Amino acid sequence: LSYTTFDIKNIRLSKSTIKAGETIQILAEVQNTGKRLGEEVVQLYIHDPIASISRPVKELKGFAKVSLNPGETKTVSIPLE
């Protein structure tokens, strides 16, 4: 629980195309929109609706924890294999 608020925006991939076995970075800008210092955990979930084997509906693939001062914005990067 944090005593401030956050905004996550501009979510994007590090590359527009990837090959099998490559790792890409998922990038997102996190902004502390509140009036206090706070920490946010940005989580990356995936879902594969056409998998050949049964997969979870939501699968956590990575996360990043960021500490932000009021009004501060940082870009977080989460690798995805």
PDB file of N, CA and C in Angstrom:
ATOM      1  N   LEU A   1       0.845  -1.174   0.000  1.00  0.00           N
ATOM      2  CA  LEU A   1       0.000   0.000   0.000  1.00  0.00           C
ATOM      3  C   LEU A   1       0.887   1.232   0.000  1.00  0.00           C
ATOM      4  N   SER A   2       0.592   2.145  -0.870  1.00  0.00           N
ATOM      5  CA  SER A   2       1.352   3.384  -0.970  1.00  0.00           C
ATOM      6  C   SER A   2       0.427   4.555  -0.662  1.00  0.00           C
ATOM      7  N   TYR A   3       0.996   5.609  -0.118  1.00  0.00           N
ATOM      8  CA  TYR A   3       0.198   6.785   0.219  1.00  0.00           C
ATOM      9  C   TYR A   3       0.271   7.843  -0.865  1.00  0.00           C
ATOM     10  N   THR A   4       0.378   7.400  -2.097  1.00  0.00           N
ATOM     11  CA  THR A   4       0.411   8.291  -3.252  1.00  0.00           C
ATOM     12  C   THR A   4      -0.241   7.576  -4.429  1.00  0.00           C
ATOM     13  N   THR A   5      -0.284   8.219  -5.565  1.00  0.00           N
ATOM     14  CA  THR A   5      -0.900   7.624  -6.757  1.00  0.00           C
ATOM     15  C   THR A   5       0.109   7.616  -7.899  1.00  0.00           C
ATOM     16  N   PHE A   6      -0.086   6.688  -8.832  1.00  0.00           N
ATOM     17  CA  PHE A   6       0.821   6.528  -9.959  1.00  0.00           C
ATOM     18  C   PHE A   6       0.044   6.459 -11.263  1.00  0.00           C
ATOM     19  N   ASP A   7       0.715   6.829 -12.340  1.00  0.00           N
ATOM     20  CA  ASP A   7       0.164   6.715 -13.687  1.00  0.00           C
ATOM     21  C   ASP A   7       1.187   5.947 -14.518  1.00  0.00           C
ATOM     22  N   ILE A   8       0.735   4.898 -15.196  1.00  0.00           N
ATOM     23  CA  ILE A   8       1.603   4.111 -16.078  1.00  0.00           C
ATOM     24  C   ILE A   8       1.131   4.355 -17.496  1.00  0.00           C
ATOM     25  N   LYS A   9       2.048   4.814 -18.367  1.00  0.00           N
ATOM     26  CA  LYS A   9       1.661   5.167 -19.734  1.00  0.00           C
ATOM     27  C   LYS A   9       2.797   4.875 -20.700  1.00  0.00           C
ATOM     28  N   ASN A  10       2.521   5.093 -21.965  1.00  0.00           N
ATOM     29  CA  ASN A  10       3.498   4.915 -23.040  1.00  0.00           C
ATOM     30  C   ASN A  10       4.155   3.529 -22.983  1.00  0.00           C
ATOM     31  N   ILE A  11       3.328   2.492 -22.901  1.00  0.00           N
ATOM     32  CA  ILE A  11       3.819   1.116 -22.872  1.00  0.00           C
ATOM     33  C   ILE A  11       4.193   0.728 -24.295  1.00  0.00           C
ATOM     34  N   ARG A  12       5.417   0.182 -24.452  1.00  0.00           N
ATOM     35  CA  ARG A  12       5.904  -0.124 -25.798  1.00  0.00           C
ATOM     36  C   ARG A  12       6.928  -1.255 -25.757  1.00  0.00           C
ATOM     37  N   LEU A  13       7.215  -1.795 -26.943  1.00  0.00           N
ATOM     38  CA  LEU A  13       8.229  -2.836 -27.108  1.00  0.00           C
ATOM     39  C   LEU A  13       9.529  -2.202 -27.585  1.00  0.00           C
ATOM     40  N   SER A  14      10.664  -2.829 -27.232  1.00  0.00           N
ATOM     41  CA  SER A  14      11.959  -2.307 -27.673  1.00  0.00           C
ATOM     42  C   SER A  14      12.185  -2.530 -29.167  1.00  0.00           C
ATOM     43  N   LYS A  15      11.511  -3.516 -29.760  1.00  0.00           N
ATOM     44  CA  LYS A  15      11.603  -3.804 -31.202  1.00  0.00           C
ATOM     45  C   LYS A  15      10.214  -4.083 -31.745  1.00  0.00           C
ATOM     46  N   SER A  16      10.015  -3.808 -33.022  1.00  0.00           N
ATOM     47  CA  SER A  16       8.703  -4.069 -33.619  1.00  0.00           C
ATOM     48  C   SER A  16       8.549  -5.519 -34.070  1.00  0.00           C
ATOM     49  N   THR A  17       9.653  -6.203 -34.344  1.00  0.00           N
ATOM     50  CA  THR A  17       9.595  -7.624 -34.712  1.00  0.00           C
ATOM     51  C   THR A  17      10.667  -8.376 -33.937  1.00  0.00           C
ATOM     52  N   ILE A  18      10.354  -9.625 -33.621  1.00  0.00           N
ATOM     53  CA  ILE A  18      11.322 -10.469 -32.917  1.00  0.00           C
ATOM     54  C   ILE A  18      11.343 -11.847 -33.554  1.00  0.00           C
ATOM     55  N   LYS A  19      12.429 -12.563 -33.305  1.00  0.00           N
ATOM     56  CA  LYS A  19      12.573 -13.939 -33.779  1.00  0.00           C
ATOM     57  C   LYS A  19      12.445 -14.884 -32.595  1.00  0.00           C
ATOM     58  N   ALA A  20      12.168 -16.148 -32.875  1.00  0.00           N
ATOM     59  CA  ALA A  20      12.051 -17.152 -31.825  1.00  0.00           C
ATOM     60  C   ALA A  20      13.349 -17.202 -31.019  1.00  0.00           C
ATOM     61  N   GLY A  21      13.205 -17.208 -29.706  1.00  0.00           N
ATOM     62  CA  GLY A  21      14.367 -17.280 -28.825  1.00  0.00           C
ATOM     63  C   GLY A  21      14.981 -15.937 -28.458  1.00  0.00           C
ATOM     64  N   GLU A  22      14.535 -14.862 -29.086  1.00  0.00           N
ATOM     65  CA  GLU A  22      15.052 -13.531 -28.776  1.00  0.00           C
ATOM     66  C   GLU A  22      14.402 -12.976 -27.520  1.00  0.00           C
ATOM     67  N   THR A  23      15.119 -12.098 -26.855  1.00  0.00           N
ATOM     68  CA  THR A  23      14.582 -11.383 -25.699  1.00  0.00           C
ATOM     69  C   THR A  23      14.305  -9.943 -26.112  1.00  0.00           C
ATOM     70  N   ILE A  24      13.149  -9.442 -25.722  1.00  0.00           N
ATOM     71  CA  ILE A  24      12.836  -8.033 -25.970  1.00  0.00           C
ATOM     72  C   ILE A  24      12.579  -7.348 -24.634  1.00  0.00           C
ATOM     73  N   GLN A  25      12.555  -6.043 -24.642  1.00  0.00           N
ATOM     74  CA  GLN A  25      12.271  -5.268 -23.452  1.00  0.00           C
ATOM     75  C   GLN A  25      10.882  -4.641 -23.596  1.00  0.00           C
ATOM     76  N   ILE A  26      10.095  -4.745 -22.545  1.00  0.00           N
ATOM     77  CA  ILE A  26       8.821  -4.044 -22.472  1.00  0.00           C
ATOM     78  C   ILE A  26       9.105  -2.775 -21.660  1.00  0.00           C
ATOM     79  N   LEU A  27       8.841  -1.627 -22.241  1.00  0.00           N
ATOM     80  CA  LEU A  27       9.142  -0.347 -21.613  1.00  0.00           C
ATOM     81  C   LEU A  27       7.850   0.374 -21.240  1.00  0.00           C
ATOM     82  N   ALA A  28       7.857   1.057 -20.104  1.00  0.00           N
ATOM     83  CA  ALA A  28       6.695   1.833 -19.672  1.00  0.00           C
ATOM     84  C   ALA A  28       7.177   3.011 -18.838  1.00  0.00           C
ATOM     85  N   GLU A  29       6.480   4.122 -18.963  1.00  0.00           N
ATOM     86  CA  GLU A  29       6.778   5.292 -18.155  1.00  0.00           C
ATOM     87  C   GLU A  29       5.861   5.279 -16.930  1.00  0.00           C
ATOM     88  N   VAL A  30       6.463   5.445 -15.756  1.00  0.00           N
ATOM     89  CA  VAL A  30       5.715   5.466 -14.505  1.00  0.00           C
ATOM     90  C   VAL A  30       5.893   6.850 -13.891  1.00  0.00           C
ATOM     91  N   GLN A  31       4.774   7.481 -13.543  1.00  0.00           N
ATOM     92  CA  GLN A  31       4.824   8.819 -12.953  1.00  0.00           C
ATOM     93  C   GLN A  31       4.126   8.811 -11.597  1.00  0.00           C
ATOM     94  N   ASN A  32       4.760   9.431 -10.621  1.00  0.00           N
ATOM     95  CA  ASN A  32       4.141   9.620  -9.316  1.00  0.00           C
ATOM     96  C   ASN A  32       3.266  10.869  -9.423  1.00  0.00           C
ATOM     97  N   THR A  33       1.959  10.678  -9.440  1.00  0.00           N
ATOM     98  CA  THR A  33       1.025  11.792  -9.604  1.00  0.00           C
ATOM     99  C   THR A  33       0.532  12.335  -8.265  1.00  0.00           C
ATOM    100  N   GLY A  34       1.029  11.771  -7.164  1.00  0.00           N
ATOM    101  CA  GLY A  34       0.604  12.208  -5.844  1.00  0.00           C
ATOM    102  C   GLY A  34       1.546  13.235  -5.234  1.00  0.00           C
ATOM    103  N   LYS A  35       1.387  13.428  -3.924  1.00  0.00           N
ATOM    104  CA  LYS A  35       2.154  14.458  -3.210  1.00  0.00           C
ATOM    105  C   LYS A  35       3.185  13.877  -2.258  1.00  0.00           C
ATOM    106  N   ARG A  36       3.403  12.557  -2.301  1.00  0.00           N
ATOM    107  CA  ARG A  36       4.362  11.912  -1.397  1.00  0.00           C
ATOM    108  C   ARG A  36       5.290  10.983  -2.177  1.00  0.00           C
ATOM    109  N   LEU A  37       6.465  10.743  -1.606  1.00  0.00           N
ATOM    110  CA  LEU A  37       7.385   9.741  -2.136  1.00  0.00           C
ATOM    111  C   LEU A  37       6.683   8.386  -2.099  1.00  0.00           C
ATOM    112  N   GLY A  38       6.875   7.585  -3.117  1.00  0.00           N
ATOM    113  CA  GLY A  38       6.239   6.276  -3.132  1.00  0.00           C
ATOM    114  C   GLY A  38       6.972   5.284  -4.004  1.00  0.00           C
ATOM    115  N   GLU A  39       6.656   4.005  -3.806  1.00  0.00           N
ATOM    116  CA  GLU A  39       7.216   2.919  -4.613  1.00  0.00           C
ATOM    117  C   GLU A  39       6.078   2.195  -5.305  1.00  0.00           C
ATOM    118  N   GLU A  40       6.308   1.848  -6.569  1.00  0.00           N
ATOM    119  CA  GLU A  40       5.316   1.122  -7.364  1.00  0.00           C
ATOM    120  C   GLU A  40       5.966  -0.119  -7.945  1.00  0.00           C
ATOM    121  N   VAL A  41       5.216  -1.204  -7.979  1.00  0.00           N
ATOM    122  CA  VAL A  41       5.676  -2.431  -8.630  1.00  0.00           C
ATOM    123  C   VAL A  41       4.894  -2.572  -9.931  1.00  0.00           C
ATOM    124  N   VAL A  42       5.599  -2.466 -11.054  1.00  0.00           N
ATOM    125  CA  VAL A  42       4.989  -2.620 -12.380  1.00  0.00           C
ATOM    126  C   VAL A  42       5.095  -4.101 -12.739  1.00  0.00           C
ATOM    127  N   GLN A  43       3.966  -4.708 -13.080  1.00  0.00           N
ATOM    128  CA  GLN A  43       3.930  -6.143 -13.367  1.00  0.00           C
ATOM    129  C   GLN A  43       3.561  -6.394 -14.819  1.00  0.00           C
ATOM    130  N   LEU A  44       4.209  -7.404 -15.417  1.00  0.00           N
ATOM    131  CA  LEU A  44       3.940  -7.790 -16.806  1.00  0.00           C
ATOM    132  C   LEU A  44       3.296  -9.173 -16.815  1.00  0.00           C
ATOM    133  N   TYR A  45       2.060  -9.221 -17.315  1.00  0.00           N
ATOM    134  CA  TYR A  45       1.337 -10.488 -17.455  1.00  0.00           C
ATOM    135  C   TYR A  45       1.131 -10.779 -18.935  1.00  0.00           C
ATOM    136  N   ILE A  46       1.152 -12.069 -19.285  1.00  0.00           N
ATOM    137  CA  ILE A  46       0.868 -12.460 -20.670  1.00  0.00           C
ATOM    138  C   ILE A  46      -0.277 -13.467 -20.691  1.00  0.00           C
ATOM    139  N   HIS A  47      -0.846 -13.625 -21.877  1.00  0.00           N
ATOM    140  CA  HIS A  47      -1.901 -14.608 -22.113  1.00  0.00           C
ATOM    141  C   HIS A  47      -1.748 -15.097 -23.550  1.00  0.00           C
ATOM    142  N   ASP A  48      -1.778 -16.403 -23.748  1.00  0.00           N
ATOM    143  CA  ASP A  48      -1.650 -16.988 -25.088  1.00  0.00           C
ATOM    144  C   ASP A  48      -2.939 -17.735 -25.415  1.00  0.00           C
ATOM    145  N   PRO A  49      -3.848 -17.097 -26.175  1.00  0.00           N
ATOM    146  CA  PRO A  49      -5.138 -17.729 -26.459  1.00  0.00           C
ATOM    147  C   PRO A  49      -5.060 -18.888 -27.451  1.00  0.00           C
ATOM    148  N   ILE A  50      -3.952 -19.035 -28.170  1.00  0.00           N
ATOM    149  CA  ILE A  50      -3.869 -20.111 -29.174  1.00  0.00           C
ATOM    150  C   ILE A  50      -2.743 -21.101 -28.877  1.00  0.00           C
ATOM    151  N   ALA A  51      -2.357 -21.231 -27.614  1.00  0.00           N
ATOM    152  CA  ALA A  51      -1.282 -22.145 -27.236  1.00  0.00           C
ATOM    153  C   ALA A  51      -1.679 -23.586 -27.528  1.00  0.00           C
ATOM    154  N   SER A  52      -0.687 -24.405 -27.923  1.00  0.00           N
ATOM    155  CA  SER A  52      -0.959 -25.813 -28.211  1.00  0.00           C
ATOM    156  C   SER A  52      -1.081 -26.637 -26.931  1.00  0.00           C
ATOM    157  N   ILE A  53      -0.578 -26.100 -25.817  1.00  0.00           N
ATOM    158  CA  ILE A  53      -0.765 -26.743 -24.521  1.00  0.00           C
ATOM    159  C   ILE A  53      -1.489 -25.761 -23.603  1.00  0.00           C
ATOM    160  N   SER A  54      -2.166 -26.281 -22.605  1.00  0.00           N
ATOM    161  CA  SER A  54      -2.935 -25.437 -21.694  1.00  0.00           C
ATOM    162  C   SER A  54      -2.017 -24.494 -20.925  1.00  0.00           C
ATOM    163  N   ARG A  55      -2.360 -23.209 -20.919  1.00  0.00           N
ATOM    164  CA  ARG A  55      -1.579 -22.171 -20.235  1.00  0.00           C
ATOM    165  C   ARG A  55      -2.498 -21.430 -19.261  1.00  0.00           C
ATOM    166  N   PRO A  56      -1.920 -20.793 -18.237  1.00  0.00           N
ATOM    167  CA  PRO A  56      -2.749 -19.988 -17.325  1.00  0.00           C
ATOM    168  C   PRO A  56      -3.424 -18.826 -18.061  1.00  0.00           C
ATOM    169  N   VAL A  57      -4.547 -18.374 -17.544  1.00  0.00           N
ATOM    170  CA  VAL A  57      -5.243 -17.238 -18.154  1.00  0.00           C
ATOM    171  C   VAL A  57      -4.368 -16.002 -18.081  1.00  0.00           C
ATOM    172  N   LYS A  58      -3.740 -15.767 -16.926  1.00  0.00           N
ATOM    173  CA  LYS A  58      -2.773 -14.676 -16.769  1.00  0.00           C
ATOM    174  C   LYS A  58      -1.502 -15.262 -16.165  1.00  0.00           C
ATOM    175  N   GLU A  59      -0.365 -15.026 -16.817  1.00  0.00           N
ATOM    176  CA  GLU A  59       0.904 -15.554 -16.337  1.00  0.00           C
ATOM    177  C   GLU A  59       1.870 -14.390 -16.099  1.00  0.00           C
ATOM    178  N   LEU A  60       2.345 -14.248 -14.860  1.00  0.00           N
ATOM    179  CA  LEU A  60       3.303 -13.198 -14.534  1.00  0.00           C
ATOM    180  C   LEU A  60       4.650 -13.530 -15.166  1.00  0.00           C
ATOM    181  N   LYS A  61       5.146 -12.636 -16.029  1.00  0.00           N
ATOM    182  CA  LYS A  61       6.412 -12.868 -16.719  1.00  0.00           C
ATOM    183  C   LYS A  61       7.542 -11.976 -16.227  1.00  0.00           C
ATOM    184  N   GLY A  62       7.221 -10.955 -15.461  1.00  0.00           N
ATOM    185  CA  GLY A  62       8.269 -10.093 -14.934  1.00  0.00           C
ATOM    186  C   GLY A  62       7.682  -8.920 -14.178  1.00  0.00           C
ATOM    187  N   PHE A  63       8.558  -8.236 -13.459  1.00  0.00           N
ATOM    188  CA  PHE A  63       8.132  -7.060 -12.718  1.00  0.00           C
ATOM    189  C   PHE A  63       9.325  -6.152 -12.487  1.00  0.00           C
ATOM    190  N   ALA A  64       9.029  -4.903 -12.158  1.00  0.00           N
ATOM    191  CA  ALA A  64      10.061  -3.918 -11.835  1.00  0.00           C
ATOM    192  C   ALA A  64       9.530  -3.024 -10.730  1.00  0.00           C
ATOM    193  N   LYS A  65      10.355  -2.777  -9.726  1.00  0.00           N
ATOM    194  CA  LYS A  65       9.969  -1.903  -8.616  1.00  0.00           C
ATOM    195  C   LYS A  65      10.694  -0.576  -8.795  1.00  0.00           C
ATOM    196  N   VAL A  66       9.946   0.512  -8.654  1.00  0.00           N
ATOM    197  CA  VAL A  66      10.519   1.837  -8.867  1.00  0.00           C
ATOM    198  C   VAL A  66      10.085   2.758  -7.733  1.00  0.00           C
ATOM    199  N   SER A  67      11.034   3.574  -7.257  1.00  0.00           N
ATOM    200  CA  SER A  67      10.759   4.559  -6.217  1.00  0.00           C
ATOM    201  C   SER A  67      10.753   5.938  -6.863  1.00  0.00           C
ATOM    202  N   LEU A  68       9.693   6.716  -6.597  1.00  0.00           N
ATOM    203  CA  LEU A  68       9.538   8.013  -7.259  1.00  0.00           C
ATOM    204  C   LEU A  68       9.176   9.115  -6.269  1.00  0.00           C
ATOM    205  N   ASN A  69       9.793  10.262  -6.454  1.00  0.00           N
ATOM    206  CA  ASN A  69       9.423  11.468  -5.711  1.00  0.00           C
ATOM    207  C   ASN A  69       8.146  12.040  -6.323  1.00  0.00           C
ATOM    208  N   PRO A  70       7.452  12.916  -5.627  1.00  0.00           N
ATOM    209  CA  PRO A  70       6.237  13.526  -6.185  1.00  0.00           C
ATOM    210  C   PRO A  70       6.513  14.201  -7.531  1.00  0.00           C
ATOM    211  N   GLY A  71       5.708  13.882  -8.538  1.00  0.00           N
ATOM    212  CA  GLY A  71       5.846  14.462  -9.866  1.00  0.00           C
ATOM    213  C   GLY A  71       6.921  13.840 -10.729  1.00  0.00           C
ATOM    214  N   GLU A  72       7.740  12.960 -10.184  1.00  0.00           N
ATOM    215  CA  GLU A  72       8.840  12.347 -10.936  1.00  0.00           C
ATOM    216  C   GLU A  72       8.324  11.251 -11.869  1.00  0.00           C
ATOM    217  N   THR A  73       8.985  11.116 -13.017  1.00  0.00           N
ATOM    218  CA  THR A  73       8.671  10.070 -13.989  1.00  0.00           C
ATOM    219  C   THR A  73       9.933   9.283 -14.302  1.00  0.00           C
ATOM    220  N   LYS A  74       9.813   7.966 -14.356  1.00  0.00           N
ATOM    221  CA  LYS A  74      10.933   7.101 -14.745  1.00  0.00           C
ATOM    222  C   LYS A  74      10.419   6.080 -15.748  1.00  0.00           C
ATOM    223  N   THR A  75      11.324   5.640 -16.628  1.00  0.00           N
ATOM    224  CA  THR A  75      11.006   4.555 -17.558  1.00  0.00           C
ATOM    225  C   THR A  75      11.509   3.245 -16.962  1.00  0.00           C
ATOM    226  N   VAL A  76      10.617   2.263 -16.872  1.00  0.00           N
ATOM    227  CA  VAL A  76      11.005   0.941 -16.396  1.00  0.00           C
ATOM    228  C   VAL A  76      11.091   0.000 -17.586  1.00  0.00           C
ATOM    229  N   SER A  77      11.955  -0.999 -17.456  1.00  0.00           N
ATOM    230  CA  SER A  77      12.172  -1.972 -18.521  1.00  0.00           C
ATOM    231  C   SER A  77      12.060  -3.371 -17.930  1.00  0.00           C
ATOM    232  N   ILE A  78      11.214  -4.208 -18.550  1.00  0.00           N
ATOM    233  CA  ILE A  78      11.039  -5.587 -18.106  1.00  0.00           C
ATOM    234  C   ILE A  78      11.379  -6.499 -19.286  1.00  0.00           C
ATOM    235  N   PRO A  79      12.375  -7.396 -19.112  1.00  0.00           N
ATOM    236  CA  PRO A  79      12.724  -8.299 -20.212  1.00  0.00           C
ATOM    237  C   PRO A  79      11.657  -9.389 -20.411  1.00  0.00           C
ATOM    238  N   LEU A  80      11.430  -9.758 -21.663  1.00  0.00           N
ATOM    239  CA  LEU A  80      10.494 -10.817 -22.008  1.00  0.00           C
ATOM    240  C   LEU A  80      11.180 -11.747 -22.984  1.00  0.00           C
ATOM    241  N   GLU A  81      11.290 -13.011 -22.606  1.00  0.00           N
ATOM    242  CA  GLU A  81      11.933 -14.018 -23.470  1.00  0.00           C
ATOM    243  C   GLU A  81      10.913 -14.758 -24.276  1.00  0.00           C
TER     244      GLU A  81
END
